[in-house]
């Protein structure tokens, strides 16, 4: 149960990071 919650949080952060990195580059 904890792994599923953490995996969802990781995917959310990766999605948020992608456009920031693109703009940063």
PDBML (XML) file of the C-alpha atoms, coordinates in Angstrom:
<?xml version="1.0" encoding="UTF-8" ?>
<PDBx:datablock datablockName="MODEL"
   xmlns:PDBx="http://pdbml.pdb.org/schema/pdbx-v50.xsd"
   xmlns:xsi="http://www.w3.org/2001/XMLSchema-instance"
   xsi:schemaLocation="http://pdbml.pdb.org/schema/pdbx-v50.xsd pdbx-v50.xsd">
   <PDBx:atom_siteCategory>
      <PDBx:atom_site id="1">
         <PDBx:B_iso_or_equiv>0.00</PDBx:B_iso_or_equiv>
         <PDBx:Cartn_x>0.000</PDBx:Cartn_x>
         <PDBx:Cartn_y>0.000</PDBx:Cartn_y>
         <PDBx:Cartn_z>0.000</PDBx:Cartn_z>
         <PDBx:auth_asym_id>A</PDBx:auth_asym_id>
         <PDBx:auth_atom_id>CA</PDBx:auth_atom_id>
         <PDBx:auth_comp_id>UNK</PDBx:auth_comp_id>
         <PDBx:auth_seq_id>1</PDBx:auth_seq_id>
         <PDBx:group_PDB>ATOM</PDBx:group_PDB>
         <PDBx:label_alt_id xsi:nil="true" />
         <PDBx:label_asym_id>A</PDBx:label_asym_id>
         <PDBx:label_atom_id>CA</PDBx:label_atom_id>
         <PDBx:label_comp_id>UNK</PDBx:label_comp_id>
         <PDBx:label_entity_id>1</PDBx:label_entity_id>
         <PDBx:label_seq_id>1</PDBx:label_seq_id>
         <PDBx:occupancy>1.00</PDBx:occupancy>
         <PDBx:pdbx_PDB_model_num>1</PDBx:pdbx_PDB_model_num>
         <PDBx:type_symbol>C</PDBx:type_symbol>
      </PDBx:atom_site>
      <PDBx:atom_site id="2">
         <PDBx:B_iso_or_equiv>0.00</PDBx:B_iso_or_equiv>
         <PDBx:Cartn_x>2.842</PDBx:Cartn_x>
         <PDBx:Cartn_y>2.363</PDBx:Cartn_y>
         <PDBx:Cartn_z>0.867</PDBx:Cartn_z>
         <PDBx:auth_asym_id>A</PDBx:auth_asym_id>
         <PDBx:auth_atom_id>CA</PDBx:auth_atom_id>
         <PDBx:auth_comp_id>UNK</PDBx:auth_comp_id>
         <PDBx:auth_seq_id>2</PDBx:auth_seq_id>
         <PDBx:group_PDB>ATOM</PDBx:group_PDB>
         <PDBx:label_alt_id xsi:nil="true" />
         <PDBx:label_asym_id>A</PDBx:label_asym_id>
         <PDBx:label_atom_id>CA</PDBx:label_atom_id>
         <PDBx:label_comp_id>UNK</PDBx:label_comp_id>
         <PDBx:label_entity_id>1</PDBx:label_entity_id>
         <PDBx:label_seq_id>2</PDBx:label_seq_id>
         <PDBx:occupancy>1.00</PDBx:occupancy>
         <PDBx:pdbx_PDB_model_num>1</PDBx:pdbx_PDB_model_num>
         <PDBx:type_symbol>C</PDBx:type_symbol>
      </PDBx:atom_site>
      <PDBx:atom_site id="3">
         <PDBx:B_iso_or_equiv>0.00</PDBx:B_iso_or_equiv>
         <PDBx:Cartn_x>4.675</PDBx:Cartn_x>
         <PDBx:Cartn_y>1.543</PDBx:Cartn_y>
         <PDBx:Cartn_z>-2.385</PDBx:Cartn_z>
         <PDBx:auth_asym_id>A</PDBx:auth_asym_id>
         <PDBx:auth_atom_id>CA</PDBx:auth_atom_id>
         <PDBx:auth_comp_id>UNK</PDBx:auth_comp_id>
         <PDBx:auth_seq_id>3</PDBx:auth_seq_id>
         <PDBx:group_PDB>ATOM</PDBx:group_PDB>
         <PDBx:label_alt_id xsi:nil="true" />
         <PDBx:label_asym_id>A</PDBx:label_asym_id>
         <PDBx:label_atom_id>CA</PDBx:label_atom_id>
         <PDBx:label_comp_id>UNK</PDBx:label_comp_id>
         <PDBx:label_entity_id>1</PDBx:label_entity_id>
         <PDBx:label_seq_id>3</PDBx:label_seq_id>
         <PDBx:occupancy>1.00</PDBx:occupancy>
         <PDBx:pdbx_PDB_model_num>1</PDBx:pdbx_PDB_model_num>
         <PDBx:type_symbol>C</PDBx:type_symbol>
      </PDBx:atom_site>
      <PDBx:atom_site id="4">
         <PDBx:B_iso_or_equiv>0.00</PDBx:B_iso_or_equiv>
         <PDBx:Cartn_x>1.619</PDBx:Cartn_x>
         <PDBx:Cartn_y>2.372</PDBx:Cartn_y>
         <PDBx:Cartn_z>-4.487</PDBx:Cartn_z>
         <PDBx:auth_asym_id>A</PDBx:auth_asym_id>
         <PDBx:auth_atom_id>CA</PDBx:auth_atom_id>
         <PDBx:auth_comp_id>UNK</PDBx:auth_comp_id>
         <PDBx:auth_seq_id>4</PDBx:auth_seq_id>
         <PDBx:group_PDB>ATOM</PDBx:group_PDB>
         <PDBx:label_alt_id xsi:nil="true" />
         <PDBx:label_asym_id>A</PDBx:label_asym_id>
         <PDBx:label_atom_id>CA</PDBx:label_atom_id>
         <PDBx:label_comp_id>UNK</PDBx:label_comp_id>
         <PDBx:label_entity_id>1</PDBx:label_entity_id>
         <PDBx:label_seq_id>4</PDBx:label_seq_id>
         <PDBx:occupancy>1.00</PDBx:occupancy>
         <PDBx:pdbx_PDB_model_num>1</PDBx:pdbx_PDB_model_num>
         <PDBx:type_symbol>C</PDBx:type_symbol>
      </PDBx:atom_site>
      <PDBx:atom_site id="5">
         <PDBx:B_iso_or_equiv>0.00</PDBx:B_iso_or_equiv>
         <PDBx:Cartn_x>1.233</PDBx:Cartn_x>
         <PDBx:Cartn_y>5.729</PDBx:Cartn_y>
         <PDBx:Cartn_z>-2.702</PDBx:Cartn_z>
         <PDBx:auth_asym_id>A</PDBx:auth_asym_id>
         <PDBx:auth_atom_id>CA</PDBx:auth_atom_id>
         <PDBx:auth_comp_id>UNK</PDBx:auth_comp_id>
         <PDBx:auth_seq_id>5</PDBx:auth_seq_id>
         <PDBx:group_PDB>ATOM</PDBx:group_PDB>
         <PDBx:label_alt_id xsi:nil="true" />
         <PDBx:label_asym_id>A</PDBx:label_asym_id>
         <PDBx:label_atom_id>CA</PDBx:label_atom_id>
         <PDBx:label_comp_id>UNK</PDBx:label_comp_id>
         <PDBx:label_entity_id>1</PDBx:label_entity_id>
         <PDBx:label_seq_id>5</PDBx:label_seq_id>
         <PDBx:occupancy>1.00</PDBx:occupancy>
         <PDBx:pdbx_PDB_model_num>1</PDBx:pdbx_PDB_model_num>
         <PDBx:type_symbol>C</PDBx:type_symbol>
      </PDBx:atom_site>
      <PDBx:atom_site id="6">
         <PDBx:B_iso_or_equiv>0.00</PDBx:B_iso_or_equiv>
         <PDBx:Cartn_x>4.940</PDBx:Cartn_x>
         <PDBx:Cartn_y>6.568</PDBx:Cartn_y>
         <PDBx:Cartn_z>-3.141</PDBx:Cartn_z>
         <PDBx:auth_asym_id>A</PDBx:auth_asym_id>
         <PDBx:auth_atom_id>CA</PDBx:auth_atom_id>
         <PDBx:auth_comp_id>UNK</PDBx:auth_comp_id>
         <PDBx:auth_seq_id>6</PDBx:auth_seq_id>
         <PDBx:group_PDB>ATOM</PDBx:group_PDB>
         <PDBx:label_alt_id xsi:nil="true" />
         <PDBx:label_asym_id>A</PDBx:label_asym_id>
         <PDBx:label_atom_id>CA</PDBx:label_atom_id>
         <PDBx:label_comp_id>UNK</PDBx:label_comp_id>
         <PDBx:label_entity_id>1</PDBx:label_entity_id>
         <PDBx:label_seq_id>6</PDBx:label_seq_id>
         <PDBx:occupancy>1.00</PDBx:occupancy>
         <PDBx:pdbx_PDB_model_num>1</PDBx:pdbx_PDB_model_num>
         <PDBx:type_symbol>C</PDBx:type_symbol>
      </PDBx:atom_site>
      <PDBx:atom_site id="7">
         <PDBx:B_iso_or_equiv>0.00</PDBx:B_iso_or_equiv>
         <PDBx:Cartn_x>4.935</PDBx:Cartn_x>
         <PDBx:Cartn_y>5.514</PDBx:Cartn_y>
         <PDBx:Cartn_z>-6.805</PDBx:Cartn_z>
         <PDBx:auth_asym_id>A</PDBx:auth_asym_id>
         <PDBx:auth_atom_id>CA</PDBx:auth_atom_id>
         <PDBx:auth_comp_id>UNK</PDBx:auth_comp_id>
         <PDBx:auth_seq_id>7</PDBx:auth_seq_id>
         <PDBx:group_PDB>ATOM</PDBx:group_PDB>
         <PDBx:label_alt_id xsi:nil="true" />
         <PDBx:label_asym_id>A</PDBx:label_asym_id>
         <PDBx:label_atom_id>CA</PDBx:label_atom_id>
         <PDBx:label_comp_id>UNK</PDBx:label_comp_id>
         <PDBx:label_entity_id>1</PDBx:label_entity_id>
         <PDBx:label_seq_id>7</PDBx:label_seq_id>
         <PDBx:occupancy>1.00</PDBx:occupancy>
         <PDBx:pdbx_PDB_model_num>1</PDBx:pdbx_PDB_model_num>
         <PDBx:type_symbol>C</PDBx:type_symbol>
      </PDBx:atom_site>
      <PDBx:atom_site id="8">
         <PDBx:B_iso_or_equiv>0.00</PDBx:B_iso_or_equiv>
         <PDBx:Cartn_x>2.011</PDBx:Cartn_x>
         <PDBx:Cartn_y>7.865</PDBx:Cartn_y>
         <PDBx:Cartn_z>-7.479</PDBx:Cartn_z>
         <PDBx:auth_asym_id>A</PDBx:auth_asym_id>
         <PDBx:auth_atom_id>CA</PDBx:auth_atom_id>
         <PDBx:auth_comp_id>UNK</PDBx:auth_comp_id>
         <PDBx:auth_seq_id>8</PDBx:auth_seq_id>
         <PDBx:group_PDB>ATOM</PDBx:group_PDB>
         <PDBx:label_alt_id xsi:nil="true" />
         <PDBx:label_asym_id>A</PDBx:label_asym_id>
         <PDBx:label_atom_id>CA</PDBx:label_atom_id>
         <PDBx:label_comp_id>UNK</PDBx:label_comp_id>
         <PDBx:label_entity_id>1</PDBx:label_entity_id>
         <PDBx:label_seq_id>8</PDBx:label_seq_id>
         <PDBx:occupancy>1.00</PDBx:occupancy>
         <PDBx:pdbx_PDB_model_num>1</PDBx:pdbx_PDB_model_num>
         <PDBx:type_symbol>C</PDBx:type_symbol>
      </PDBx:atom_site>
      <PDBx:atom_site id="9">
         <PDBx:B_iso_or_equiv>0.00</PDBx:B_iso_or_equiv>
         <PDBx:Cartn_x>3.833</PDBx:Cartn_x>
         <PDBx:Cartn_y>10.712</PDBx:Cartn_y>
         <PDBx:Cartn_z>-5.711</PDBx:Cartn_z>
         <PDBx:auth_asym_id>A</PDBx:auth_asym_id>
         <PDBx:auth_atom_id>CA</PDBx:auth_atom_id>
         <PDBx:auth_comp_id>UNK</PDBx:auth_comp_id>
         <PDBx:auth_seq_id>9</PDBx:auth_seq_id>
         <PDBx:group_PDB>ATOM</PDBx:group_PDB>
         <PDBx:label_alt_id xsi:nil="true" />
         <PDBx:label_asym_id>A</PDBx:label_asym_id>
         <PDBx:label_atom_id>CA</PDBx:label_atom_id>
         <PDBx:label_comp_id>UNK</PDBx:label_comp_id>
         <PDBx:label_entity_id>1</PDBx:label_entity_id>
         <PDBx:label_seq_id>9</PDBx:label_seq_id>
         <PDBx:occupancy>1.00</PDBx:occupancy>
         <PDBx:pdbx_PDB_model_num>1</PDBx:pdbx_PDB_model_num>
         <PDBx:type_symbol>C</PDBx:type_symbol>
      </PDBx:atom_site>
      <PDBx:atom_site id="10">
         <PDBx:B_iso_or_equiv>0.00</PDBx:B_iso_or_equiv>
         <PDBx:Cartn_x>7.015</PDBx:Cartn_x>
         <PDBx:Cartn_y>10.028</PDBx:Cartn_y>
         <PDBx:Cartn_z>-7.698</PDBx:Cartn_z>
         <PDBx:auth_asym_id>A</PDBx:auth_asym_id>
         <PDBx:auth_atom_id>CA</PDBx:auth_atom_id>
         <PDBx:auth_comp_id>UNK</PDBx:auth_comp_id>
         <PDBx:auth_seq_id>10</PDBx:auth_seq_id>
         <PDBx:group_PDB>ATOM</PDBx:group_PDB>
         <PDBx:label_alt_id xsi:nil="true" />
         <PDBx:label_asym_id>A</PDBx:label_asym_id>
         <PDBx:label_atom_id>CA</PDBx:label_atom_id>
         <PDBx:label_comp_id>UNK</PDBx:label_comp_id>
         <PDBx:label_entity_id>1</PDBx:label_entity_id>
         <PDBx:label_seq_id>10</PDBx:label_seq_id>
         <PDBx:occupancy>1.00</PDBx:occupancy>
         <PDBx:pdbx_PDB_model_num>1</PDBx:pdbx_PDB_model_num>
         <PDBx:type_symbol>C</PDBx:type_symbol>
      </PDBx:atom_site>
      <PDBx:atom_site id="11">
         <PDBx:B_iso_or_equiv>0.00</PDBx:B_iso_or_equiv>
         <PDBx:Cartn_x>5.131</PDBx:Cartn_x>
         <PDBx:Cartn_y>10.094</PDBx:Cartn_y>
         <PDBx:Cartn_z>-10.993</PDBx:Cartn_z>
         <PDBx:auth_asym_id>A</PDBx:auth_asym_id>
         <PDBx:auth_atom_id>CA</PDBx:auth_atom_id>
         <PDBx:auth_comp_id>UNK</PDBx:auth_comp_id>
         <PDBx:auth_seq_id>11</PDBx:auth_seq_id>
         <PDBx:group_PDB>ATOM</PDBx:group_PDB>
         <PDBx:label_alt_id xsi:nil="true" />
         <PDBx:label_asym_id>A</PDBx:label_asym_id>
         <PDBx:label_atom_id>CA</PDBx:label_atom_id>
         <PDBx:label_comp_id>UNK</PDBx:label_comp_id>
         <PDBx:label_entity_id>1</PDBx:label_entity_id>
         <PDBx:label_seq_id>11</PDBx:label_seq_id>
         <PDBx:occupancy>1.00</PDBx:occupancy>
         <PDBx:pdbx_PDB_model_num>1</PDBx:pdbx_PDB_model_num>
         <PDBx:type_symbol>C</PDBx:type_symbol>
      </PDBx:atom_site>
      <PDBx:atom_site id="12">
         <PDBx:B_iso_or_equiv>0.00</PDBx:B_iso_or_equiv>
         <PDBx:Cartn_x>3.415</PDBx:Cartn_x>
         <PDBx:Cartn_y>13.361</PDBx:Cartn_y>
         <PDBx:Cartn_z>-10.010</PDBx:Cartn_z>
         <PDBx:auth_asym_id>A</PDBx:auth_asym_id>
         <PDBx:auth_atom_id>CA</PDBx:auth_atom_id>
         <PDBx:auth_comp_id>UNK</PDBx:auth_comp_id>
         <PDBx:auth_seq_id>12</PDBx:auth_seq_id>
         <PDBx:group_PDB>ATOM</PDBx:group_PDB>
         <PDBx:label_alt_id xsi:nil="true" />
         <PDBx:label_asym_id>A</PDBx:label_asym_id>
         <PDBx:label_atom_id>CA</PDBx:label_atom_id>
         <PDBx:label_comp_id>UNK</PDBx:label_comp_id>
         <PDBx:label_entity_id>1</PDBx:label_entity_id>
         <PDBx:label_seq_id>12</PDBx:label_seq_id>
         <PDBx:occupancy>1.00</PDBx:occupancy>
         <PDBx:pdbx_PDB_model_num>1</PDBx:pdbx_PDB_model_num>
         <PDBx:type_symbol>C</PDBx:type_symbol>
      </PDBx:atom_site>
      <PDBx:atom_site id="13">
         <PDBx:B_iso_or_equiv>0.00</PDBx:B_iso_or_equiv>
         <PDBx:Cartn_x>6.760</PDBx:Cartn_x>
         <PDBx:Cartn_y>14.998</PDBx:Cartn_y>
         <PDBx:Cartn_z>-9.212</PDBx:Cartn_z>
         <PDBx:auth_asym_id>A</PDBx:auth_asym_id>
         <PDBx:auth_atom_id>CA</PDBx:auth_atom_id>
         <PDBx:auth_comp_id>UNK</PDBx:auth_comp_id>
         <PDBx:auth_seq_id>13</PDBx:auth_seq_id>
         <PDBx:group_PDB>ATOM</PDBx:group_PDB>
         <PDBx:label_alt_id xsi:nil="true" />
         <PDBx:label_asym_id>A</PDBx:label_asym_id>
         <PDBx:label_atom_id>CA</PDBx:label_atom_id>
         <PDBx:label_comp_id>UNK</PDBx:label_comp_id>
         <PDBx:label_entity_id>1</PDBx:label_entity_id>
         <PDBx:label_seq_id>13</PDBx:label_seq_id>
         <PDBx:occupancy>1.00</PDBx:occupancy>
         <PDBx:pdbx_PDB_model_num>1</PDBx:pdbx_PDB_model_num>
         <PDBx:type_symbol>C</PDBx:type_symbol>
      </PDBx:atom_site>
      <PDBx:atom_site id="14">
         <PDBx:B_iso_or_equiv>0.00</PDBx:B_iso_or_equiv>
         <PDBx:Cartn_x>8.310</PDBx:Cartn_x>
         <PDBx:Cartn_y>13.716</PDBx:Cartn_y>
         <PDBx:Cartn_z>-12.453</PDBx:Cartn_z>
         <PDBx:auth_asym_id>A</PDBx:auth_asym_id>
         <PDBx:auth_atom_id>CA</PDBx:auth_atom_id>
         <PDBx:auth_comp_id>UNK</PDBx:auth_comp_id>
         <PDBx:auth_seq_id>14</PDBx:auth_seq_id>
         <PDBx:group_PDB>ATOM</PDBx:group_PDB>
         <PDBx:label_alt_id xsi:nil="true" />
         <PDBx:label_asym_id>A</PDBx:label_asym_id>
         <PDBx:label_atom_id>CA</PDBx:label_atom_id>
         <PDBx:label_comp_id>UNK</PDBx:label_comp_id>
         <PDBx:label_entity_id>1</PDBx:label_entity_id>
         <PDBx:label_seq_id>14</PDBx:label_seq_id>
         <PDBx:occupancy>1.00</PDBx:occupancy>
         <PDBx:pdbx_PDB_model_num>1</PDBx:pdbx_PDB_model_num>
         <PDBx:type_symbol>C</PDBx:type_symbol>
      </PDBx:atom_site>
      <PDBx:atom_site id="15">
         <PDBx:B_iso_or_equiv>0.00</PDBx:B_iso_or_equiv>
         <PDBx:Cartn_x>5.420</PDBx:Cartn_x>
         <PDBx:Cartn_y>15.192</PDBx:Cartn_y>
         <PDBx:Cartn_z>-14.401</PDBx:Cartn_z>
         <PDBx:auth_asym_id>A</PDBx:auth_asym_id>
         <PDBx:auth_atom_id>CA</PDBx:auth_atom_id>
         <PDBx:auth_comp_id>UNK</PDBx:auth_comp_id>
         <PDBx:auth_seq_id>15</PDBx:auth_seq_id>
         <PDBx:group_PDB>ATOM</PDBx:group_PDB>
         <PDBx:label_alt_id xsi:nil="true" />
         <PDBx:label_asym_id>A</PDBx:label_asym_id>
         <PDBx:label_atom_id>CA</PDBx:label_atom_id>
         <PDBx:label_comp_id>UNK</PDBx:label_comp_id>
         <PDBx:label_entity_id>1</PDBx:label_entity_id>
         <PDBx:label_seq_id>15</PDBx:label_seq_id>
         <PDBx:occupancy>1.00</PDBx:occupancy>
         <PDBx:pdbx_PDB_model_num>1</PDBx:pdbx_PDB_model_num>
         <PDBx:type_symbol>C</PDBx:type_symbol>
      </PDBx:atom_site>
      <PDBx:atom_site id="16">
         <PDBx:B_iso_or_equiv>0.00</PDBx:B_iso_or_equiv>
         <PDBx:Cartn_x>5.863</PDBx:Cartn_x>
         <PDBx:Cartn_y>18.518</PDBx:Cartn_y>
         <PDBx:Cartn_z>-12.607</PDBx:Cartn_z>
         <PDBx:auth_asym_id>A</PDBx:auth_asym_id>
         <PDBx:auth_atom_id>CA</PDBx:auth_atom_id>
         <PDBx:auth_comp_id>UNK</PDBx:auth_comp_id>
         <PDBx:auth_seq_id>16</PDBx:auth_seq_id>
         <PDBx:group_PDB>ATOM</PDBx:group_PDB>
         <PDBx:label_alt_id xsi:nil="true" />
         <PDBx:label_asym_id>A</PDBx:label_asym_id>
         <PDBx:label_atom_id>CA</PDBx:label_atom_id>
         <PDBx:label_comp_id>UNK</PDBx:label_comp_id>
         <PDBx:label_entity_id>1</PDBx:label_entity_id>
         <PDBx:label_seq_id>16</PDBx:label_seq_id>
         <PDBx:occupancy>1.00</PDBx:occupancy>
         <PDBx:pdbx_PDB_model_num>1</PDBx:pdbx_PDB_model_num>
         <PDBx:type_symbol>C</PDBx:type_symbol>
      </PDBx:atom_site>
      <PDBx:atom_site id="17">
         <PDBx:B_iso_or_equiv>0.00</PDBx:B_iso_or_equiv>
         <PDBx:Cartn_x>9.629</PDBx:Cartn_x>
         <PDBx:Cartn_y>18.497</PDBx:Cartn_y>
         <PDBx:Cartn_z>-13.150</PDBx:Cartn_z>
         <PDBx:auth_asym_id>A</PDBx:auth_asym_id>
         <PDBx:auth_atom_id>CA</PDBx:auth_atom_id>
         <PDBx:auth_comp_id>UNK</PDBx:auth_comp_id>
         <PDBx:auth_seq_id>17</PDBx:auth_seq_id>
         <PDBx:group_PDB>ATOM</PDBx:group_PDB>
         <PDBx:label_alt_id xsi:nil="true" />
         <PDBx:label_asym_id>A</PDBx:label_asym_id>
         <PDBx:label_atom_id>CA</PDBx:label_atom_id>
         <PDBx:label_comp_id>UNK</PDBx:label_comp_id>
         <PDBx:label_entity_id>1</PDBx:label_entity_id>
         <PDBx:label_seq_id>17</PDBx:label_seq_id>
         <PDBx:occupancy>1.00</PDBx:occupancy>
         <PDBx:pdbx_PDB_model_num>1</PDBx:pdbx_PDB_model_num>
         <PDBx:type_symbol>C</PDBx:type_symbol>
      </PDBx:atom_site>
      <PDBx:atom_site id="18">
         <PDBx:B_iso_or_equiv>0.00</PDBx:B_iso_or_equiv>
         <PDBx:Cartn_x>9.588</PDBx:Cartn_x>
         <PDBx:Cartn_y>17.839</PDBx:Cartn_y>
         <PDBx:Cartn_z>-16.898</PDBx:Cartn_z>
         <PDBx:auth_asym_id>A</PDBx:auth_asym_id>
         <PDBx:auth_atom_id>CA</PDBx:auth_atom_id>
         <PDBx:auth_comp_id>UNK</PDBx:auth_comp_id>
         <PDBx:auth_seq_id>18</PDBx:auth_seq_id>
         <PDBx:group_PDB>ATOM</PDBx:group_PDB>
         <PDBx:label_alt_id xsi:nil="true" />
         <PDBx:label_asym_id>A</PDBx:label_asym_id>
         <PDBx:label_atom_id>CA</PDBx:label_atom_id>
         <PDBx:label_comp_id>UNK</PDBx:label_comp_id>
         <PDBx:label_entity_id>1</PDBx:label_entity_id>
         <PDBx:label_seq_id>18</PDBx:label_seq_id>
         <PDBx:occupancy>1.00</PDBx:occupancy>
         <PDBx:pdbx_PDB_model_num>1</PDBx:pdbx_PDB_model_num>
         <PDBx:type_symbol>C</PDBx:type_symbol>
      </PDBx:atom_site>
      <PDBx:atom_site id="19">
         <PDBx:B_iso_or_equiv>0.00</PDBx:B_iso_or_equiv>
         <PDBx:Cartn_x>8.307</PDBx:Cartn_x>
         <PDBx:Cartn_y>21.256</PDBx:Cartn_y>
         <PDBx:Cartn_z>-18.104</PDBx:Cartn_z>
         <PDBx:auth_asym_id>A</PDBx:auth_asym_id>
         <PDBx:auth_atom_id>CA</PDBx:auth_atom_id>
         <PDBx:auth_comp_id>UNK</PDBx:auth_comp_id>
         <PDBx:auth_seq_id>19</PDBx:auth_seq_id>
         <PDBx:group_PDB>ATOM</PDBx:group_PDB>
         <PDBx:label_alt_id xsi:nil="true" />
         <PDBx:label_asym_id>A</PDBx:label_asym_id>
         <PDBx:label_atom_id>CA</PDBx:label_atom_id>
         <PDBx:label_comp_id>UNK</PDBx:label_comp_id>
         <PDBx:label_entity_id>1</PDBx:label_entity_id>
         <PDBx:label_seq_id>19</PDBx:label_seq_id>
         <PDBx:occupancy>1.00</PDBx:occupancy>
         <PDBx:pdbx_PDB_model_num>1</PDBx:pdbx_PDB_model_num>
         <PDBx:type_symbol>C</PDBx:type_symbol>
      </PDBx:atom_site>
      <PDBx:atom_site id="20">
         <PDBx:B_iso_or_equiv>0.00</PDBx:B_iso_or_equiv>
         <PDBx:Cartn_x>10.481</PDBx:Cartn_x>
         <PDBx:Cartn_y>23.052</PDBx:Cartn_y>
         <PDBx:Cartn_z>-15.544</PDBx:Cartn_z>
         <PDBx:auth_asym_id>A</PDBx:auth_asym_id>
         <PDBx:auth_atom_id>CA</PDBx:auth_atom_id>
         <PDBx:auth_comp_id>UNK</PDBx:auth_comp_id>
         <PDBx:auth_seq_id>20</PDBx:auth_seq_id>
         <PDBx:group_PDB>ATOM</PDBx:group_PDB>
         <PDBx:label_alt_id xsi:nil="true" />
         <PDBx:label_asym_id>A</PDBx:label_asym_id>
         <PDBx:label_atom_id>CA</PDBx:label_atom_id>
         <PDBx:label_comp_id>UNK</PDBx:label_comp_id>
         <PDBx:label_entity_id>1</PDBx:label_entity_id>
         <PDBx:label_seq_id>20</PDBx:label_seq_id>
         <PDBx:occupancy>1.00</PDBx:occupancy>
         <PDBx:pdbx_PDB_model_num>1</PDBx:pdbx_PDB_model_num>
         <PDBx:type_symbol>C</PDBx:type_symbol>
      </PDBx:atom_site>
      <PDBx:atom_site id="21">
         <PDBx:B_iso_or_equiv>0.00</PDBx:B_iso_or_equiv>
         <PDBx:Cartn_x>13.604</PDBx:Cartn_x>
         <PDBx:Cartn_y>21.322</PDBx:Cartn_y>
         <PDBx:Cartn_z>-16.864</PDBx:Cartn_z>
         <PDBx:auth_asym_id>A</PDBx:auth_asym_id>
         <PDBx:auth_atom_id>CA</PDBx:auth_atom_id>
         <PDBx:auth_comp_id>UNK</PDBx:auth_comp_id>
         <PDBx:auth_seq_id>21</PDBx:auth_seq_id>
         <PDBx:group_PDB>ATOM</PDBx:group_PDB>
         <PDBx:label_alt_id xsi:nil="true" />
         <PDBx:label_asym_id>A</PDBx:label_asym_id>
         <PDBx:label_atom_id>CA</PDBx:label_atom_id>
         <PDBx:label_comp_id>UNK</PDBx:label_comp_id>
         <PDBx:label_entity_id>1</PDBx:label_entity_id>
         <PDBx:label_seq_id>21</PDBx:label_seq_id>
         <PDBx:occupancy>1.00</PDBx:occupancy>
         <PDBx:pdbx_PDB_model_num>1</PDBx:pdbx_PDB_model_num>
         <PDBx:type_symbol>C</PDBx:type_symbol>
      </PDBx:atom_site>
      <PDBx:atom_site id="22">
         <PDBx:B_iso_or_equiv>0.00</PDBx:B_iso_or_equiv>
         <PDBx:Cartn_x>12.607</PDBx:Cartn_x>
         <PDBx:Cartn_y>22.073</PDBx:Cartn_y>
         <PDBx:Cartn_z>-20.455</PDBx:Cartn_z>
         <PDBx:auth_asym_id>A</PDBx:auth_asym_id>
         <PDBx:auth_atom_id>CA</PDBx:auth_atom_id>
         <PDBx:auth_comp_id>UNK</PDBx:auth_comp_id>
         <PDBx:auth_seq_id>22</PDBx:auth_seq_id>
         <PDBx:group_PDB>ATOM</PDBx:group_PDB>
         <PDBx:label_alt_id xsi:nil="true" />
         <PDBx:label_asym_id>A</PDBx:label_asym_id>
         <PDBx:label_atom_id>CA</PDBx:label_atom_id>
         <PDBx:label_comp_id>UNK</PDBx:label_comp_id>
         <PDBx:label_entity_id>1</PDBx:label_entity_id>
         <PDBx:label_seq_id>22</PDBx:label_seq_id>
         <PDBx:occupancy>1.00</PDBx:occupancy>
         <PDBx:pdbx_PDB_model_num>1</PDBx:pdbx_PDB_model_num>
         <PDBx:type_symbol>C</PDBx:type_symbol>
      </PDBx:atom_site>
      <PDBx:atom_site id="23">
         <PDBx:B_iso_or_equiv>0.00</PDBx:B_iso_or_equiv>
         <PDBx:Cartn_x>12.138</PDBx:Cartn_x>
         <PDBx:Cartn_y>25.775</PDBx:Cartn_y>
         <PDBx:Cartn_z>-19.661</PDBx:Cartn_z>
         <PDBx:auth_asym_id>A</PDBx:auth_asym_id>
         <PDBx:auth_atom_id>CA</PDBx:auth_atom_id>
         <PDBx:auth_comp_id>UNK</PDBx:auth_comp_id>
         <PDBx:auth_seq_id>23</PDBx:auth_seq_id>
         <PDBx:group_PDB>ATOM</PDBx:group_PDB>
         <PDBx:label_alt_id xsi:nil="true" />
         <PDBx:label_asym_id>A</PDBx:label_asym_id>
         <PDBx:label_atom_id>CA</PDBx:label_atom_id>
         <PDBx:label_comp_id>UNK</PDBx:label_comp_id>
         <PDBx:label_entity_id>1</PDBx:label_entity_id>
         <PDBx:label_seq_id>23</PDBx:label_seq_id>
         <PDBx:occupancy>1.00</PDBx:occupancy>
         <PDBx:pdbx_PDB_model_num>1</PDBx:pdbx_PDB_model_num>
         <PDBx:type_symbol>C</PDBx:type_symbol>
      </PDBx:atom_site>
      <PDBx:atom_site id="24">
         <PDBx:B_iso_or_equiv>0.00</PDBx:B_iso_or_equiv>
         <PDBx:Cartn_x>15.328</PDBx:Cartn_x>
         <PDBx:Cartn_y>25.815</PDBx:Cartn_y>
         <PDBx:Cartn_z>-17.561</PDBx:Cartn_z>
         <PDBx:auth_asym_id>A</PDBx:auth_asym_id>
         <PDBx:auth_atom_id>CA</PDBx:auth_atom_id>
         <PDBx:auth_comp_id>UNK</PDBx:auth_comp_id>
         <PDBx:auth_seq_id>24</PDBx:auth_seq_id>
         <PDBx:group_PDB>ATOM</PDBx:group_PDB>
         <PDBx:label_alt_id xsi:nil="true" />
         <PDBx:label_asym_id>A</PDBx:label_asym_id>
         <PDBx:label_atom_id>CA</PDBx:label_atom_id>
         <PDBx:label_comp_id>UNK</PDBx:label_comp_id>
         <PDBx:label_entity_id>1</PDBx:label_entity_id>
         <PDBx:label_seq_id>24</PDBx:label_seq_id>
         <PDBx:occupancy>1.00</PDBx:occupancy>
         <PDBx:pdbx_PDB_model_num>1</PDBx:pdbx_PDB_model_num>
         <PDBx:type_symbol>C</PDBx:type_symbol>
      </PDBx:atom_site>
      <PDBx:atom_site id="25">
         <PDBx:B_iso_or_equiv>0.00</PDBx:B_iso_or_equiv>
         <PDBx:Cartn_x>17.391</PDBx:Cartn_x>
         <PDBx:Cartn_y>24.358</PDBx:Cartn_y>
         <PDBx:Cartn_z>-20.422</PDBx:Cartn_z>
         <PDBx:auth_asym_id>A</PDBx:auth_asym_id>
         <PDBx:auth_atom_id>CA</PDBx:auth_atom_id>
         <PDBx:auth_comp_id>UNK</PDBx:auth_comp_id>
         <PDBx:auth_seq_id>25</PDBx:auth_seq_id>
         <PDBx:group_PDB>ATOM</PDBx:group_PDB>
         <PDBx:label_alt_id xsi:nil="true" />
         <PDBx:label_asym_id>A</PDBx:label_asym_id>
         <PDBx:label_atom_id>CA</PDBx:label_atom_id>
         <PDBx:label_comp_id>UNK</PDBx:label_comp_id>
         <PDBx:label_entity_id>1</PDBx:label_entity_id>
         <PDBx:label_seq_id>25</PDBx:label_seq_id>
         <PDBx:occupancy>1.00</PDBx:occupancy>
         <PDBx:pdbx_PDB_model_num>1</PDBx:pdbx_PDB_model_num>
         <PDBx:type_symbol>C</PDBx:type_symbol>
      </PDBx:atom_site>
   </PDBx:atom_siteCategory>
</PDBx:datablock>
